[in-house]
C-alpha atoms as a PDB file:
ATOM      1  CA  MET A   1       0.000   0.000   0.000  1.00  0.00           C
ATOM      2  CA  SER A   2       1.360   3.401  -0.968  1.00  0.00           C
ATOM      3  CA  LYS A   3       1.692   6.145   1.559  1.00  0.00           C
ATOM      4  CA  SER A   4       0.410   9.649   0.938  1.00  0.00           C
ATOM      5  CA  HIS A   5       3.130  12.222   1.450  1.00  0.00           C
ATOM      6  CA  VAL A   6       0.495  14.937   1.828  1.00  0.00           C
ATOM      7  CA  GLN A   7      -1.128  12.936   4.638  1.00  0.00           C
ATOM      8  CA  LEU A   8       2.246  12.104   6.184  1.00  0.00           C
ATOM      9  CA  VAL A   9       3.274  15.775   6.297  1.00  0.00           C
ATOM     10  CA  GLY A  10      -0.111  16.671   7.777  1.00  0.00           C
ATOM     11  CA  ASP A  11       0.093  13.962  10.433  1.00  0.00           C
ATOM     12  CA  VAL A  12       3.651  14.868  11.411  1.00  0.00           C
ATOM     13  CA  SER A  13       2.726  18.565  11.489  1.00  0.00           C
ATOM     14  CA  LYS A  14       0.043  17.768  14.077  1.00  0.00           C
ATOM     15  CA  ALA A  15       2.545  15.835  16.197  1.00  0.00           C
ATOM     16  CA  LEU A  16       5.045  18.704  15.884  1.00  0.00           C
ATOM     17  CA  ALA A  17       2.353  21.086  17.164  1.00  0.00           C
ATOM     18  CA  THR A  18       2.098  18.916  20.268  1.00  0.00           C
ATOM     19  CA  LEU A  19       5.862  19.105  20.705  1.00  0.00           C
ATOM     20  CA  ARG A  20       5.765  22.905  20.265  1.00  0.00           C
ATOM     21  CA  LYS A  21       3.229  23.042  23.100  1.00  0.00           C
ATOM     22  CA  GLU A  22       4.983  20.620  25.443  1.00  0.00           C
ATOM     23  CA  ILE A  23       8.657  21.409  24.780  1.00  0.00           C
ATOM     24  CA  PRO A  24       8.488  24.975  23.467  1.00  0.00           C
ATOM     25  CA  GLU A  25      12.101  25.936  24.163  1.00  0.00           C
ATOM     26  CA  THR A  26      13.446  22.956  22.268  1.00  0.00           C
ATOM     27  CA  MET A  27      11.134  23.555  19.328  1.00  0.00           C
ATOM     28  CA  GLN A  28      11.904  27.298  19.283  1.00  0.00           C
ATOM     29  CA  GLY A  29      15.607  26.493  19.212  1.00  0.00           C
ATOM     30  CA  PHE A  30      15.157  23.994  16.402  1.00  0.00           C
ATOM     31  CA  GLY A  31      12.984  26.459  14.468  1.00  0.00           C
ATOM     32  CA  ALA A  32      15.558  29.232  14.858  1.00  0.00           C
ATOM     33  CA  MET A  33      18.314  26.892  13.662  1.00  0.00           C
ATOM     34  CA  ALA A  34      16.253  25.844  10.637  1.00  0.00           C
ATOM     35  CA  LYS A  35      15.398  29.437   9.729  1.00  0.00           C
ATOM     36  CA  SER A  36      18.991  30.586  10.105  1.00  0.00           C
ATOM     37  CA  SER A  37      20.385  27.612   8.189  1.00  0.00           C
ATOM     38  CA  LEU A  38      18.060  28.048   5.217  1.00  0.00           C
ATOM     39  CA  GLN A  39      18.429  31.817   4.727  1.00  0.00           C
ATOM     40  CA  ASP A  40      19.923  33.025   1.474  1.00  0.00           C
ATOM     41  CA  GLY A  41      23.666  33.456   1.774  1.00  0.00           C
ATOM     42  CA  ALA A  42      26.496  32.138  -0.371  1.00  0.00           C
ATOM     43  CA  LEU A  43      23.944  29.451  -1.259  1.00  0.00           C
ATOM     44  CA  SER A  44      20.338  30.315  -2.050  1.00  0.00           C
ATOM     45  CA  GLU A  45      17.441  28.993  -0.002  1.00  0.00           C
ATOM     46  CA  LEU A  46      16.562  26.821  -3.012  1.00  0.00           C
ATOM     47  CA  GLN A  47      20.048  25.305  -3.118  1.00  0.00           C
ATOM     48  CA  LYS A  48      19.939  24.668   0.615  1.00  0.00           C
ATOM     49  CA  GLU A  49      16.554  22.941   0.314  1.00  0.00           C
ATOM     50  CA  LEU A  50      17.980  20.703  -2.435  1.00  0.00           C
ATOM     51  CA  ILE A  51      20.781  19.765  -0.042  1.00  0.00           C
ATOM     52  CA  ALA A  52      18.210  19.120   2.697  1.00  0.00           C
ATOM     53  CA  LEU A  53      16.265  16.854   0.333  1.00  0.00           C
ATOM     54  CA  ALA A  54      19.452  14.959  -0.469  1.00  0.00           C
ATOM     55  CA  ILE A  55      20.124  14.414   3.224  1.00  0.00           C
ATOM     56  CA  ALA A  56      16.496  13.372   3.813  1.00  0.00           C
ATOM     57  CA  VAL A  57      16.766  10.780   1.027  1.00  0.00           C
ATOM     58  CA  THR A  58      20.089   9.355   2.175  1.00  0.00           C
ATOM     59  CA  GLN A  59      18.935   9.309   5.821  1.00  0.00           C
ATOM     60  CA  ARG A  60      15.685   7.596   4.728  1.00  0.00           C
ATOM     61  CA  CYS A  61      13.355  10.050   6.461  1.00  0.00           C
ATOM     62  CA  ASP A  62       9.912   9.957   4.816  1.00  0.00           C
ATOM     63  CA  ALA A  63       8.570  12.982   6.669  1.00  0.00           C
ATOM     64  CA  CYS A  64      11.716  14.989   5.914  1.00  0.00           C
ATOM     65  CA  ILE A  65      11.339  14.133   2.227  1.00  0.00           C
ATOM     66  CA  GLY A  66       7.760  15.402   2.311  1.00  0.00           C
ATOM     67  CA  PHE A  67       8.587  18.659   4.096  1.00  0.00           C
ATOM     68  CA  HIS A  68      11.560  19.468   1.849  1.00  0.00           C
ATOM     69  CA  VAL A  69       9.739  18.570  -1.375  1.00  0.00           C
ATOM     70  CA  LYS A  70       6.907  20.851  -0.245  1.00  0.00           C
ATOM     71  CA  ALA A  71       9.415  23.662   0.373  1.00  0.00           C
ATOM     72  CA  LEU A  72      11.091  23.065  -2.987  1.00  0.00           C
ATOM     73  CA  ILE A  73       7.763  23.338  -4.787  1.00  0.00           C
ATOM     74  CA  ARG A  74       7.040  26.587  -2.907  1.00  0.00           C
ATOM     75  CA  LEU A  75      10.457  27.914  -3.953  1.00  0.00           C
ATOM     76  CA  GLY A  76       9.850  27.030  -7.604  1.00  0.00           C
ATOM     77  CA  ALA A  77      12.395  24.224  -7.940  1.00  0.00           C
ATOM     78  CA  THR A  78      12.225  22.620 -11.344  1.00  0.00           C
ATOM     79  CA  ARG A  79      11.694  18.935 -11.872  1.00  0.00           C
ATOM     80  CA  GLU A  80      15.168  18.829 -13.430  1.00  0.00           C
ATOM     81  CA  GLN A  81      16.782  20.333 -10.312  1.00  0.00           C
ATOM     82  CA  ILE A  82      15.064  17.783  -8.110  1.00  0.00           C
ATOM     83  CA  MET A  83      15.937  14.881 -10.421  1.00  0.00           C
ATOM     84  CA  GLU A  84      19.610  15.885 -10.591  1.00  0.00           C
ATOM     85  CA  THR A  85      19.695  16.099  -6.798  1.00  0.00           C
ATOM     86  CA  LEU A  86      18.186  12.610  -6.591  1.00  0.00           C
ATOM     87  CA  GLY A  87      20.800  11.372  -9.062  1.00  0.00           C
ATOM     88  CA  VAL A  88      23.569  12.544  -6.748  1.00  0.00           C
ATOM     89  CA  CYS A  89      21.775  10.878  -3.821  1.00  0.00           C
ATOM     90  CA  THR A  90      21.728   7.598  -5.698  1.00  0.00           C
ATOM     91  CA  TYR A  91      25.399   7.941  -6.625  1.00  0.00           C
ATOM     92  CA  MET A  92      26.390   8.590  -3.012  1.00  0.00           C
ATOM     93  CA  GLY A  93      23.891   6.300  -1.263  1.00  0.00           C
ATOM     94  CA  GLY A  94      23.473   3.343  -3.612  1.00  0.00           C
ATOM     95  CA  GLY A  95      20.389   1.152  -3.756  1.00  0.00           C
ATOM     96  CA  PRO A  96      18.764   2.262  -0.492  1.00  0.00           C
ATOM     97  CA  ALA A  97      19.049   5.916  -1.560  1.00  0.00           C
ATOM     98  CA  LEU A  98      17.544   4.981  -4.923  1.00  0.00           C
ATOM     99  CA  MET A  99      14.447   3.592  -3.195  1.00  0.00           C
ATOM    100  CA  TYR A 100      14.016   6.806  -1.191  1.00  0.00           C
ATOM    101  CA  ALA A 101      14.757   8.886  -4.289  1.00  0.00           C
ATOM    102  CA  ALA A 102      11.745   7.148  -5.814  1.00  0.00           C
ATOM    103  CA  GLU A 103       9.743   8.170  -2.726  1.00  0.00           C
ATOM    104  CA  ALA A 104      10.859  11.770  -3.270  1.00  0.00           C
ATOM    105  CA  VAL A 105       9.596  11.572  -6.872  1.00  0.00           C
ATOM    106  CA  ARG A 106       6.253  10.279  -5.589  1.00  0.00           C
ATOM    107  CA  ALA A 107       6.103  13.117  -3.042  1.00  0.00           C
ATOM    108  CA  TYR A 108       6.900  15.694  -5.730  1.00  0.00           C
ATOM    109  CA  GLU A 109       4.278  14.359  -8.104  1.00  0.00           C
ATOM    110  CA  GLU A 110       1.659  14.153  -5.345  1.00  0.00           C
ATOM    111  CA  MET A 111       2.326  17.651  -3.975  1.00  0.00           C
ATOM    112  CA  LEU A 112       2.812  19.493  -7.268  1.00  0.00           C
ATOM    113  CA  PRO A 113      -0.164  21.746  -8.017  1.00  0.00           C
ATOM    114  CA  PRO A 114      -2.168  20.689 -11.078  1.00  0.00           C
ATOM    115  CA  ALA A 115      -1.010  22.196 -14.368  1.00  0.00           C
ATOM    116  CA  LYS A 116      -3.158  25.021 -15.658  1.00  0.00           C
END
C-alpha cells in the first residue's frame, strides 16, 4: 500500500504542534536553527533545500522528504533540479538511496499543483 506524502506531512505537522506546546524551548531552538540555516547566503534557499532533500533521502526520512519537497515546490524548484539532486543521492547512497529517491519523486508528483 502506498503512503500519501500529503497525509504524512499533515500527520507529522500535528505531532510537531504537540511538541511545540509541550517542549516549546526545544522547538523554538530547532525552528531558529532551521530558519537561520536556510536563509539566502552564499547558497540560495533553493540550493539549501535541495541539499536538505538529499540528506532526507540518504537518511531515509519519509517525513523529511515530504517537508523538503513541499518547500522546494514553494520555492519554484524545477523537476530537473530535483531529479539531478536525486541522481547525486543515488550515486552517493546506492540502492537504499535509490528507493528513497523514488519516494521523493512520488512526493513531488503528489504535492505538485495541477497544471493550468
